[in-house]
Amino acid sequence: MQLSAHQSYLRRIWIIGLLLHLSLIASRGATYYVKPNGNDSFSGLSDELAFRTIQRAAYEPNLAPGDTVIVKDGVYTANPWSTWALVILNRGGDPSGYITFKSENKGGAVLDGQNDPARFYGFHIESPSTSYVRIQDFEIRNFSKAGVDLSWPYTSNFDVSGNHIHHIGRSCSDSPLGIVGIYLYGISNAVIQKNVIHDIGRFAPGENGCNLENHYQNRDHGVYIEASTRVTNKNNLFYNIARGWSIHVYSSRGVRTSDLLIANNIFAFPYPYNYGQVILAAPGVDNASIQNNIFYSPNTAGILIDLDKNPTFSGISITKNLVHAGVIKWPLQATPGITTSSNLENADALLVNPHLYDFSFQPGSPAIDGGAAIAEVAEDIIGRPRPQGQAWDIGAYEYPIISQPQHKIVTASQNAIFTVAPGGAGPFTYQWRKDGVNLVNGGNIFGATSPALTVASTSASDAATYDVIVSEAGGGQFPSAPAQLSVVTQLPVSQQVDPGVTVRFQVIIAGTSPTFSYQWKKDNVQNDLRDGGNTSGTRTPSLQIANVSGSDAGYYRLYVTNKPACWFNALSARLILNQ
């Protein structure tokens, strides 16, 4: 049957629409599932048909660019195809889409090497076609060589995000081969972000009965970058890296690393055997930016420029970093190709409790709003947008409280209301405290676990310091600035007296802050009183006027301020002289 021109046109439109629809479906990619009680003979294409091992998903012949492997909660220790790596990656995506391996819940899927010396790696690439791979939200622990091994030259485009990588190589070993949380060799375009990396490296002599004395001082690192280009390390947290450096940039093969960004990380605690928590070494580095990092209690300096083997550097900028108890760079003298500027050295970072691994900020930390704007670091380690305040914060966390509770001065029986406003998507939880003790609703306390706390019908016993702990899902706990509640229990009282007597007007405030200032005024707000003549106490809670006369008659009022946070205007009291 011959189609009319109109019918032919409609058919072409329908075919084009169908092709676009099928293309859209294909671009979304397939989803495969892995769970501890799955079966590797299944298809993996649903929860009910999930694979049992991550390796089976990685070997899936139909795994294609844009596909995602969701790994259900559980501990994974088996690889039927290999004894030395738990997951071997031999295929990847392409510019149209990454292949993503993702824990369904952050930290819920655990890759455990069980401290087996023969189980070298958590993830390991083993093919020149393994590019465009994302590894996200796993806990990776107890492997002997590396948590994530990306060491196939000329592969590219890796994203290692949100993982908890720890206790790698924690054994007694005198092997000259290094141990690392993440190893990058010969690759390009890698992003290492939002990871927590700690306790990497072998035992020292005397530790857990170890008596081996070789190679324990400088072989084991958090992230080792060798002969790679366009590598971004951002929003990571490193601590207890005591057998090497948190980030080590070096090549024994003589190949340079270039285009490196190290931004908004936290490096905590010293590497005892040498200076620095980050090292730049031979043969050298070209075009690197080290910005907005916190170096907490390093050994002498945050960054070691290792001049052994005569490395050369070009285009290295080190700026807007904070060093707690140390300097930014060693050696101190200028190094050709490296510039430093606007770094805070020997500064108190005011972290909440770093020795219990809480690296979030206390209010007033110099890291808050202290960083540079970096387009590549648009959010923090838990996904909170940057900036929350006037500028980027230094470190992995963005302080979320954009409106702090304010000091209050109220008259007894009045209500006092404290509020806090965090930024970001949340959800947030709140716990208000009085003098450091958690409040509960009841009595005259309302909103103890909400953004607004009400202390109703105040009395002297309510005068105290109030603050709130703001917690965000998936992130740290952030204390607000403290707010002082002061309660006025006595106001000035009007008096009618005979000439020549001494008069005292007094205000009594429970919970008086040492930062309060006082100013008595007479008759109008412009008329500040000053000590002198028959008047004293003009800047105290108690005003005294001796030997009163007709010129002293009028209205007296006390202004109390805690600049710039609050002020209190006491009711005026009148002085009347008898005729």
Protein backbone atom coordinates (compact mmCIF):
# COMPACT_ATOMS: atom_id res chain seq x y z
CA MET A 1 0.00 0.00 0.00
CA GLN A 2 1.37 3.39 -1.03
CA LEU A 3 1.64 5.85 1.89
CA SER A 4 0.57 9.42 1.38
CA ALA A 5 3.15 12.14 1.85
CA HIS A 6 1.50 13.05 5.18
CA GLN A 7 1.52 9.43 6.40
CA SER A 8 5.15 9.04 5.35
CA TYR A 9 6.06 12.17 7.30
CA LEU A 10 4.26 10.91 10.43
CA ARG A 11 5.99 7.54 10.16
CA ARG A 12 9.40 9.19 9.99
CA ILE A 13 8.57 11.29 13.06
CA TRP A 14 7.42 8.14 14.93
CA ILE A 15 10.63 6.25 14.05
CA ILE A 16 12.80 9.18 15.14
CA GLY A 17 10.89 9.40 18.44
CA LEU A 18 11.27 5.67 19.04
CA LEU A 19 15.00 5.83 18.40
CA LEU A 20 15.37 8.77 20.76
CA HIS A 21 13.38 6.91 23.42
CA LEU A 22 15.52 3.79 23.07
CA SER A 23 18.66 5.93 23.18
CA LEU A 24 17.45 7.55 26.41
CA ILE A 25 16.78 4.17 27.99
CA ALA A 26 20.21 2.93 26.95
CA SER A 27 21.91 6.05 28.34
CA ARG A 28 20.50 5.38 31.77
CA GLY A 29 22.49 2.14 31.96
CA ALA A 30 21.66 -1.19 33.55
CA THR A 31 21.79 -1.84 37.29
CA TYR A 32 23.29 -5.03 38.69
CA TYR A 33 23.00 -6.16 42.30
CA VAL A 34 25.28 -8.04 44.66
CA LYS A 35 24.33 -9.33 48.11
CA PRO A 36 25.93 -11.77 50.57
CA ASN A 37 23.29 -14.45 50.03
CA GLY A 38 23.09 -14.01 46.27
CA ASN A 39 24.10 -16.50 43.61
CA ASP A 40 26.77 -15.98 40.98
CA SER A 41 24.78 -18.07 38.52
CA PHE A 42 21.96 -15.53 38.54
CA SER A 43 21.66 -12.57 36.17
CA GLY A 44 22.28 -9.92 38.84
CA LEU A 45 19.61 -7.68 37.31
CA SER A 46 17.37 -7.46 40.39
CA ASP A 47 17.54 -7.82 44.15
CA GLU A 48 16.02 -11.30 43.86
CA LEU A 49 18.56 -12.30 41.19
CA ALA A 50 21.61 -10.67 42.82
CA PHE A 51 25.13 -12.00 42.42
CA ARG A 52 26.96 -13.27 45.50
CA THR A 53 30.39 -11.75 44.78
CA ILE A 54 31.45 -8.35 43.53
CA GLN A 55 33.90 -10.10 41.24
CA ARG A 56 31.06 -11.81 39.40
CA ALA A 57 29.55 -8.39 38.68
CA ALA A 58 32.92 -7.05 37.52
CA TYR A 59 33.27 -10.01 35.13
CA GLU A 60 29.71 -9.67 33.79
CA PRO A 61 30.10 -9.80 29.97
CA ASN A 62 27.25 -7.34 29.43
CA LEU A 63 28.64 -4.72 31.84
CA ALA A 64 28.72 -1.53 29.76
CA PRO A 65 29.33 2.21 30.04
CA GLY A 66 26.68 3.84 32.22
CA ASP A 67 25.99 0.65 34.21
CA THR A 68 25.93 0.56 38.01
CA VAL A 69 26.70 -2.29 40.37
CA ILE A 70 24.83 -1.84 43.66
CA VAL A 71 26.41 -3.80 46.50
CA LYS A 72 24.07 -4.57 49.38
CA ASP A 73 25.12 -4.28 53.02
CA GLY A 74 27.33 -7.07 54.30
CA VAL A 75 30.93 -8.22 54.61
CA TYR A 76 32.52 -9.50 51.38
CA THR A 77 35.60 -11.71 51.64
CA ALA A 78 35.35 -14.11 48.68
CA ASN A 79 36.57 -14.00 45.09
CA PRO A 80 36.23 -17.42 43.40
CA TRP A 81 38.56 -16.32 40.58
CA SER A 82 41.43 -14.83 42.58
CA THR A 83 43.21 -15.17 45.91
CA TRP A 84 45.20 -11.92 45.71
CA ALA A 85 42.48 -9.32 44.98
CA LEU A 86 38.91 -9.19 46.16
CA VAL A 87 37.76 -7.31 43.03
CA ILE A 88 39.70 -7.31 39.76
CA LEU A 89 38.49 -4.73 37.25
CA ASN A 90 39.19 -5.64 33.61
CA ARG A 91 36.65 -3.49 31.81
CA GLY A 92 35.49 0.08 32.13
CA GLY A 93 33.26 2.73 30.70
CA ASP A 94 33.95 5.36 28.11
CA PRO A 95 33.19 9.07 27.62
CA SER A 96 29.49 8.24 27.39
CA GLY A 97 29.40 6.91 30.96
CA TYR A 98 31.30 5.46 33.89
CA ILE A 99 30.89 1.95 35.24
CA THR A 100 30.04 2.49 38.89
CA PHE A 101 30.57 0.12 41.81
CA LYS A 102 28.62 1.50 44.75
CA SER A 103 27.69 0.41 48.24
CA GLU A 104 23.93 0.69 48.52
CA ASN A 105 24.33 2.43 51.88
CA LYS A 106 27.43 4.41 52.72
CA GLY A 107 29.85 2.08 54.49
CA GLY A 108 27.31 -0.75 54.50
CA ALA A 109 29.19 -2.95 52.01
CA VAL A 110 32.52 -3.98 53.53
CA LEU A 111 35.44 -5.39 51.54
CA ASP A 112 37.52 -7.29 54.10
CA GLY A 113 40.91 -8.82 53.32
CA GLN A 114 40.86 -10.53 56.73
CA ASN A 115 44.54 -9.64 57.27
CA ASP A 116 45.48 -12.41 54.85
CA PRO A 117 49.03 -11.67 53.56
CA ALA A 118 48.06 -13.19 50.21
CA ARG A 119 45.03 -10.92 49.79
CA PHE A 120 46.81 -7.88 48.40
CA TYR A 121 44.07 -5.55 47.14
CA GLY A 122 40.49 -4.52 47.65
CA PHE A 123 39.97 -3.14 44.13
CA HIS A 124 42.64 -3.70 41.47
CA ILE A 125 42.66 -2.82 37.77
CA GLU A 126 44.14 -5.35 35.38
CA SER A 127 43.52 -4.21 31.85
CA PRO A 128 44.43 -1.29 29.59
CA SER A 129 40.73 -0.95 28.81
CA THR A 130 39.82 -0.29 32.44
CA SER A 131 39.02 3.42 32.38
CA TYR A 132 35.99 5.46 33.42
CA VAL A 133 35.38 3.58 36.68
CA ARG A 134 33.81 4.90 39.88
CA ILE A 135 34.29 3.22 43.29
CA GLN A 136 31.94 4.73 45.84
CA ASP A 137 30.91 4.49 49.51
CA PHE A 138 32.58 1.21 50.51
CA GLU A 139 34.41 0.29 53.67
CA ILE A 140 37.70 -1.28 52.57
CA ARG A 141 39.87 -2.86 55.26
CA ASN A 142 42.50 -5.42 56.21
CA PHE A 143 44.26 -5.88 52.85
CA SER A 144 48.00 -6.42 52.78
CA LYS A 145 49.10 -4.03 49.99
CA ALA A 146 46.45 -1.48 48.95
CA GLY A 147 42.82 -0.68 49.47
CA VAL A 148 42.41 0.58 45.88
CA ASP A 149 45.11 -0.11 43.30
CA LEU A 150 44.91 2.00 40.12
CA SER A 151 48.25 1.14 38.59
CA TRP A 152 47.75 0.37 34.92
CA PRO A 153 49.54 3.00 32.80
CA TYR A 154 47.53 5.01 30.29
CA THR A 155 44.18 4.24 31.90
CA SER A 156 42.15 7.28 32.83
CA ASN A 157 39.07 8.79 34.42
CA PHE A 158 38.67 7.28 37.86
CA ASP A 159 36.49 8.52 40.70
CA VAL A 160 37.18 7.09 44.16
CA SER A 161 34.63 8.72 46.43
CA GLY A 162 33.16 8.41 49.88
CA ASN A 163 35.07 5.31 50.91
CA HIS A 164 36.40 4.40 54.36
CA ILE A 165 39.82 2.84 53.77
CA HIS A 166 41.68 1.69 56.84
CA HIS A 167 43.98 -0.86 58.46
CA ILE A 168 45.83 -1.64 55.25
CA GLY A 169 49.06 -3.60 55.68
CA ARG A 170 48.76 -3.74 59.47
CA SER A 171 51.17 -6.63 59.93
CA CYS A 172 54.79 -7.37 60.76
CA SER A 173 56.64 -7.08 57.46
CA ASP A 174 60.11 -6.15 56.26
CA SER A 175 59.14 -6.09 52.57
CA PRO A 176 60.69 -3.19 50.65
CA LEU A 177 57.43 -2.79 48.74
CA GLY A 178 55.19 0.00 49.93
CA ILE A 179 51.70 -0.24 51.39
CA VAL A 180 49.04 2.34 50.45
CA GLY A 181 45.42 3.25 50.94
CA ILE A 182 45.09 4.29 47.27
CA TYR A 183 47.81 3.86 44.64
CA LEU A 184 47.82 5.76 41.33
CA TYR A 185 50.48 4.99 38.74
CA GLY A 186 50.62 6.24 35.18
CA ILE A 187 46.99 7.35 35.02
CA SER A 188 45.23 10.57 34.11
CA ASN A 189 42.03 12.31 35.17
CA ALA A 190 41.45 10.85 38.63
CA VAL A 191 39.36 12.30 41.44
CA ILE A 192 40.00 11.11 45.00
CA GLN A 193 37.30 12.71 47.13
CA LYS A 194 35.32 12.43 50.37
CA ASN A 195 37.30 9.42 51.58
CA VAL A 196 38.38 8.71 55.17
CA ILE A 197 41.81 7.07 55.13
CA HIS A 198 43.59 6.03 58.31
CA ASP A 199 45.83 3.47 60.00
CA ILE A 200 47.87 2.59 56.93
CA GLY A 201 51.16 0.73 57.23
CA ARG A 202 53.08 -2.04 58.90
CA PHE A 203 53.93 -2.48 62.56
CA ALA A 204 56.97 -0.79 64.01
CA PRO A 205 59.46 -2.77 66.08
CA GLY A 206 57.88 -3.66 69.40
CA GLU A 207 54.35 -3.11 68.10
CA ASN A 208 52.18 -6.20 68.54
CA GLY A 209 55.29 -8.27 69.15
CA CYS A 210 56.96 -7.32 65.84
CA ASN A 211 60.77 -7.47 65.90
CA LEU A 212 61.55 -6.71 62.25
CA GLU A 213 63.51 -3.50 61.79
CA ASN A 214 63.61 -2.79 58.04
CA HIS A 215 61.45 -0.57 55.82
CA TYR A 216 58.89 0.43 58.45
CA GLN A 217 59.75 4.14 58.54
CA ASN A 218 58.90 5.54 55.12
CA ARG A 219 57.25 3.05 52.75
CA ASP A 220 53.55 3.18 53.61
CA HIS A 221 51.26 6.04 52.59
CA GLY A 222 47.66 7.20 52.46
CA VAL A 223 47.60 8.11 48.75
CA TYR A 224 50.63 7.43 46.53
CA ILE A 225 50.70 9.34 43.23
CA GLU A 226 53.30 8.34 40.66
CA ALA A 227 53.78 9.47 37.06
CA SER A 228 50.19 10.67 36.78
CA THR A 229 48.47 13.76 35.46
CA ARG A 230 45.31 15.70 36.29
CA VAL A 231 44.75 14.20 39.74
CA THR A 232 42.40 15.89 42.20
CA ASN A 233 42.47 15.10 45.93
CA LYS A 234 39.67 16.98 47.69
CA ASN A 235 37.56 16.74 50.83
CA ASN A 236 39.44 13.75 52.22
CA LEU A 237 40.25 13.04 55.85
CA PHE A 238 43.60 11.42 56.71
CA TYR A 239 44.78 10.42 60.16
CA ASN A 240 47.17 7.97 61.83
CA ILE A 241 49.39 7.69 58.75
CA ALA A 242 52.53 6.98 60.78
CA ARG A 243 54.71 4.93 58.39
CA GLY A 244 54.84 7.45 55.57
CA TRP A 245 52.98 10.48 54.25
CA SER A 246 49.26 11.02 53.80
CA ILE A 247 49.90 12.05 50.18
CA HIS A 248 53.17 10.96 48.59
CA VAL A 249 54.12 12.26 45.12
CA TYR A 250 57.21 10.49 43.82
CA SER A 251 58.37 8.29 40.95
CA SER A 252 61.25 5.83 41.13
CA ARG A 253 60.88 5.55 37.35
CA GLY A 254 61.79 9.19 36.79
CA VAL A 255 58.39 10.21 35.36
CA ARG A 256 56.93 13.53 36.53
CA THR A 257 53.46 14.15 37.91
CA SER A 258 51.56 17.21 36.68
CA ASP A 259 48.30 19.13 37.09
CA LEU A 260 47.68 18.20 40.71
CA LEU A 261 45.01 19.67 43.00
CA ILE A 262 45.16 18.99 46.75
CA ALA A 263 42.32 21.00 48.28
CA ASN A 264 40.13 21.06 51.37
CA ASN A 265 41.60 17.98 52.99
CA ILE A 266 42.35 17.38 56.67
CA PHE A 267 45.66 15.74 57.57
CA ALA A 268 45.91 14.83 61.24
CA PHE A 269 48.74 13.76 63.52
CA PRO A 270 52.45 13.55 62.86
CA TYR A 271 54.48 11.19 60.75
CA PRO A 272 57.18 10.64 63.39
CA TYR A 273 60.11 9.74 61.14
CA ASN A 274 60.24 12.79 58.89
CA TYR A 275 58.73 16.20 58.29
CA GLY A 276 55.37 16.83 56.69
CA GLN A 277 52.08 15.11 56.01
CA VAL A 278 52.32 15.71 52.24
CA ILE A 279 55.56 15.19 50.31
CA LEU A 280 56.53 16.40 46.84
CA ALA A 281 59.62 14.53 45.67
CA ALA A 282 61.72 13.49 42.68
CA PRO A 283 61.74 13.85 39.79
CA GLY A 284 59.36 16.77 40.43
CA VAL A 285 55.89 18.14 39.90
CA ASP A 286 54.48 20.63 37.40
CA ASN A 287 51.38 22.76 37.89
CA ALA A 288 50.00 21.93 41.32
CA SER A 289 47.70 23.80 43.67
CA ILE A 290 47.67 22.98 47.39
CA GLN A 291 44.88 25.05 48.93
CA ASN A 292 42.42 25.18 51.80
CA ASN A 293 43.89 22.20 53.68
CA ILE A 294 44.19 21.74 57.44
CA PHE A 295 47.49 20.24 58.58
CA TYR A 296 46.79 19.28 62.17
CA SER A 297 49.84 18.72 64.39
CA PRO A 298 52.34 17.67 61.72
CA ASN A 299 55.96 16.91 62.43
CA THR A 300 57.30 20.47 62.05
CA ALA A 301 55.64 21.28 58.68
CA GLY A 302 52.56 20.43 56.68
CA ILE A 303 54.45 19.85 53.41
CA LEU A 304 57.89 18.43 52.84
CA ILE A 305 59.69 19.41 49.64
CA ASP A 306 62.15 16.54 49.33
CA LEU A 307 65.24 17.85 47.52
CA ASP A 308 66.97 14.48 47.39
CA LYS A 309 67.82 13.39 43.82
CA ASN A 310 67.60 17.04 42.65
CA PRO A 311 63.92 17.34 41.72
CA THR A 312 62.61 20.39 39.90
CA PHE A 313 59.26 22.07 40.32
CA SER A 314 57.22 24.52 38.30
CA GLY A 315 53.90 26.24 38.84
CA ILE A 316 53.36 25.02 42.43
CA SER A 317 51.05 27.27 44.50
CA ILE A 318 50.59 26.67 48.24
CA THR A 319 48.00 29.05 49.64
CA LYS A 320 45.20 29.49 52.16
CA ASN A 321 46.15 26.46 54.24
CA LEU A 322 46.01 26.25 58.03
CA VAL A 323 48.77 24.54 60.01
CA HIS A 324 47.99 23.66 63.61
CA ALA A 325 51.28 23.63 65.54
CA GLY A 326 53.65 23.86 62.61
CA VAL A 327 54.76 25.77 59.54
CA ILE A 328 53.49 25.24 56.02
CA LYS A 329 56.66 24.02 54.26
CA TRP A 330 60.02 22.47 54.92
CA PRO A 331 62.68 23.52 54.11
CA LEU A 332 61.84 27.05 55.11
CA GLN A 333 63.91 28.73 52.41
CA ALA A 334 62.36 29.47 49.05
CA THR A 335 62.23 26.64 46.53
CA PRO A 336 62.37 27.51 42.81
CA GLY A 337 59.01 26.90 41.15
CA ILE A 338 57.07 26.94 44.44
CA THR A 339 55.19 29.93 45.88
CA THR A 340 53.50 30.14 49.27
CA SER A 341 51.03 32.81 50.37
CA SER A 342 48.26 33.55 52.87
CA ASN A 343 48.82 30.41 54.94
CA LEU A 344 47.94 30.35 58.65
CA GLU A 345 50.92 28.86 60.48
CA ASN A 346 51.00 27.75 64.12
CA ALA A 347 47.29 28.52 64.33
CA ASP A 348 44.74 26.86 66.61
CA ALA A 349 42.30 25.14 64.25
CA LEU A 350 39.67 24.93 67.03
CA LEU A 351 38.49 21.45 66.06
CA VAL A 352 35.85 19.84 68.26
CA ASN A 353 37.77 16.78 69.45
CA PRO A 354 40.47 15.63 67.04
CA HIS A 355 41.88 13.01 69.39
CA LEU A 356 38.51 11.27 69.25
CA TYR A 357 38.52 11.83 65.46
CA ASP A 358 35.91 14.58 65.45
CA PHE A 359 37.50 17.10 63.08
CA SER A 360 34.51 19.42 62.76
CA PHE A 361 34.85 23.05 63.81
CA GLN A 362 34.19 24.84 67.01
CA PRO A 363 32.67 28.28 66.54
CA GLY A 364 35.35 30.88 66.05
CA SER A 365 37.76 28.59 64.23
CA PRO A 366 40.01 30.59 61.88
CA ALA A 367 39.25 27.96 59.25
CA ILE A 368 35.65 29.20 58.98
CA ASP A 369 35.39 31.51 55.95
CA GLY A 370 39.18 31.39 55.72
CA GLY A 371 39.61 29.60 52.41
CA ALA A 372 39.81 30.46 48.74
CA ALA A 373 36.95 29.88 46.30
CA ILE A 374 37.68 26.74 44.26
CA ALA A 375 35.18 25.83 41.58
CA GLU A 376 36.19 22.15 41.70
CA VAL A 377 35.31 21.97 45.41
CA ALA A 378 31.67 23.00 45.33
CA GLU A 379 30.68 20.94 48.39
CA ASP A 380 32.28 19.43 51.48
CA ILE A 381 33.02 15.86 52.59
CA ILE A 382 29.37 15.12 53.35
CA GLY A 383 27.92 16.98 50.37
CA ARG A 384 27.12 20.28 52.07
CA PRO A 385 27.33 23.12 49.49
CA ARG A 386 30.21 25.57 49.71
CA PRO A 387 30.28 28.24 50.88
CA GLN A 388 27.88 28.40 53.82
CA GLY A 389 29.20 31.72 55.04
CA GLN A 390 31.04 34.58 53.38
CA ALA A 391 33.74 32.35 51.89
CA TRP A 392 34.94 28.76 51.54
CA ASP A 393 36.04 27.16 54.80
CA ILE A 394 39.47 25.58 55.11
CA GLY A 395 39.42 21.81 55.54
CA ALA A 396 37.07 19.00 54.58
CA TYR A 397 34.05 20.29 56.48
CA GLU A 398 32.01 23.39 55.77
CA TYR A 399 30.78 24.85 59.06
CA PRO A 400 26.99 24.66 58.67
CA ILE A 401 25.69 27.22 61.15
CA ILE A 402 24.95 30.42 59.29
CA SER A 403 22.96 32.10 62.08
CA GLN A 404 24.16 31.65 65.66
CA PRO A 405 22.15 31.93 68.89
CA GLN A 406 22.49 35.41 70.37
CA HIS A 407 23.03 36.60 73.91
CA LYS A 408 19.85 37.55 75.75
CA ILE A 409 19.06 39.89 78.62
CA VAL A 410 15.47 39.60 79.86
CA THR A 411 13.49 40.72 82.85
CA ALA A 412 12.44 37.98 85.26
CA SER A 413 9.19 36.25 84.19
CA GLN A 414 9.79 37.11 80.53
CA ASN A 415 10.49 34.38 77.95
CA ALA A 416 13.92 33.97 76.35
CA ILE A 417 14.11 32.44 72.87
CA PHE A 418 17.33 31.19 71.29
CA THR A 419 17.46 30.19 67.62
CA VAL A 420 19.98 28.60 65.31
CA ALA A 421 19.90 28.35 61.49
CA PRO A 422 22.09 25.79 59.71
CA GLY A 423 22.76 25.84 55.99
CA GLY A 424 22.70 22.92 53.60
CA ALA A 425 20.15 20.30 52.72
CA GLY A 426 20.06 18.47 56.05
CA PRO A 427 18.26 16.76 57.61
CA PHE A 428 19.56 18.23 60.85
CA THR A 429 19.04 17.25 64.46
CA TYR A 430 19.46 19.56 67.42
CA GLN A 431 20.37 19.25 71.08
CA TRP A 432 20.33 22.37 73.21
CA ARG A 433 22.50 22.51 76.31
CA LYS A 434 22.61 24.61 79.46
CA ASP A 435 26.12 25.03 80.83
CA GLY A 436 27.16 21.99 78.80
CA VAL A 437 24.35 19.72 80.04
CA ASN A 438 21.72 18.45 77.59
CA LEU A 439 18.28 19.96 78.07
CA VAL A 440 15.01 18.04 77.88
CA ASN A 441 11.54 19.43 77.35
CA GLY A 442 9.60 20.00 80.54
CA GLY A 443 9.07 22.65 83.18
CA ASN A 444 9.83 25.95 81.51
CA ILE A 445 11.95 24.39 78.70
CA PHE A 446 10.42 24.02 75.23
CA GLY A 447 12.12 23.03 71.95
CA ALA A 448 15.17 21.32 73.45
CA THR A 449 15.67 19.32 70.23
CA SER A 450 14.45 21.90 67.72
CA PRO A 451 16.03 24.92 66.01
CA ALA A 452 14.37 27.25 68.55
CA LEU A 453 14.72 26.91 72.32
CA THR A 454 12.29 28.72 74.61
CA VAL A 455 13.08 29.30 78.27
CA ALA A 456 9.70 30.43 79.58
CA SER A 457 8.96 32.62 82.62
CA THR A 458 12.62 33.12 83.38
CA SER A 459 14.05 33.43 86.85
CA ALA A 460 17.54 33.82 88.28
CA SER A 461 18.10 30.05 88.12
CA ASP A 462 17.79 30.16 84.31
CA ALA A 463 20.75 32.50 83.94
CA ALA A 464 23.43 30.39 82.24
CA THR A 465 25.27 29.71 78.99
CA TYR A 466 23.19 28.03 76.29
CA ASP A 467 24.39 26.40 73.10
CA VAL A 468 23.20 23.77 70.64
CA ILE A 469 24.85 20.79 68.97
CA VAL A 470 23.74 20.63 65.34
CA SER A 471 24.16 17.24 63.68
CA GLU A 472 23.70 16.47 60.01
CA ALA A 473 22.95 13.05 58.57
CA GLY A 474 26.19 11.51 57.36
CA GLY A 475 28.32 14.25 58.86
CA GLY A 476 29.85 15.56 62.04
CA GLN A 477 28.44 17.34 65.05
CA PHE A 478 28.85 21.10 65.09
CA PRO A 479 28.48 23.11 68.31
CA SER A 480 27.05 26.57 68.00
CA ALA A 481 28.57 29.62 69.57
CA PRO A 482 27.56 29.93 73.24
CA ALA A 483 24.86 32.42 74.13
CA GLN A 484 24.59 33.95 77.58
CA LEU A 485 21.17 34.32 79.19
CA SER A 486 21.12 37.05 81.82
CA VAL A 487 17.99 37.68 83.88
CA VAL A 488 17.23 41.06 85.41
CA THR A 489 15.83 40.35 88.85
CA GLN A 490 15.64 43.94 90.08
CA LEU A 491 14.80 47.13 88.13
CA PRO A 492 15.52 50.71 89.27
CA VAL A 493 12.80 52.10 91.53
CA SER A 494 11.50 55.67 91.41
CA GLN A 495 12.22 57.69 94.53
CA GLN A 496 10.92 60.91 96.14
CA VAL A 497 13.42 62.34 98.62
CA ASP A 498 14.45 65.48 100.44
CA PRO A 499 17.32 67.61 99.11
CA GLY A 500 20.75 66.72 100.47
CA VAL A 501 20.32 62.95 100.81
CA THR A 502 22.14 60.25 98.81
CA VAL A 503 20.12 58.30 96.25
CA ARG A 504 20.99 54.94 94.69
CA PHE A 505 19.38 53.44 91.58
CA GLN A 506 20.27 49.79 91.11
CA VAL A 507 19.71 46.99 88.62
CA ILE A 508 20.51 43.40 89.65
CA ILE A 509 21.28 40.95 86.86
CA ALA A 510 21.72 37.20 87.37
CA GLY A 511 24.25 35.65 85.04
CA THR A 512 26.06 38.88 84.30
CA SER A 513 28.61 38.45 81.55
CA PRO A 514 32.08 39.89 82.12
CA THR A 515 31.80 41.44 78.66
CA PHE A 516 28.74 43.51 79.54
CA SER A 517 29.04 47.26 79.58
CA TYR A 518 26.75 49.62 81.47
CA GLN A 519 25.71 53.19 80.83
CA TRP A 520 23.32 55.27 82.93
CA LYS A 521 21.49 58.05 81.14
CA LYS A 522 19.37 60.91 82.33
CA ASP A 523 16.15 62.15 80.70
CA ASN A 524 17.03 61.12 77.11
CA VAL A 525 19.15 58.60 75.27
CA GLN A 526 21.71 61.21 74.25
CA ASN A 527 22.49 62.27 77.81
CA ASP A 528 25.18 59.85 79.01
CA LEU A 529 26.15 60.38 82.63
CA ARG A 530 29.79 60.51 83.66
CA ASP A 531 31.37 60.07 87.07
CA GLY A 532 32.15 63.37 88.72
CA GLY A 533 30.73 65.90 91.11
CA ASN A 534 28.04 64.18 93.14
CA THR A 535 27.55 61.30 90.67
CA SER A 536 29.34 57.92 90.70
CA GLY A 537 28.80 54.42 89.30
CA THR A 538 27.60 55.73 85.93
CA ARG A 539 29.08 52.66 84.16
CA THR A 540 28.10 50.04 86.71
CA PRO A 541 24.80 48.39 87.66
CA SER A 542 24.49 50.77 90.63
CA LEU A 543 24.23 54.57 90.17
CA GLN A 544 24.78 56.82 93.21
CA ILE A 545 23.89 60.49 93.45
CA ALA A 546 25.06 62.22 96.62
CA ASN A 547 23.68 65.40 98.20
CA VAL A 548 20.87 65.63 95.65
CA SER A 549 19.54 69.03 94.61
CA GLY A 550 16.92 70.34 92.24
CA SER A 551 19.13 69.86 89.16
CA ASP A 552 19.30 66.12 89.84
CA ALA A 553 15.53 65.62 89.50
CA GLY A 554 14.53 63.66 86.37
CA TYR A 555 14.35 60.23 84.81
CA TYR A 556 17.23 57.75 85.06
CA ARG A 557 17.65 54.71 82.85
CA LEU A 558 20.36 52.02 82.56
CA TYR A 559 21.47 50.59 79.21
CA VAL A 560 23.21 47.21 79.36
CA THR A 561 25.01 45.93 76.25
CA ASN A 562 27.04 42.94 75.20
CA LYS A 563 28.23 44.44 71.95
CA PRO A 564 27.27 43.71 69.30
CA ALA A 565 25.09 40.81 70.28
CA CYS A 566 22.45 42.25 72.60
CA TRP A 567 21.40 45.17 74.70
CA PHE A 568 18.93 45.81 77.47
CA ASN A 569 17.06 49.02 78.21
CA ALA A 570 15.96 49.08 81.84
CA LEU A 571 12.71 50.87 82.63
CA SER A 572 13.33 54.45 83.68
CA ALA A 573 13.07 55.46 87.33
CA ARG A 574 12.15 58.98 88.36
CA LEU A 575 13.87 61.07 91.00
CA ILE A 576 11.52 63.62 92.62
CA LEU A 577 12.70 66.14 95.17
CA ASN A 578 10.41 67.35 97.93
CA GLN A 579 9.88 71.08 98.09
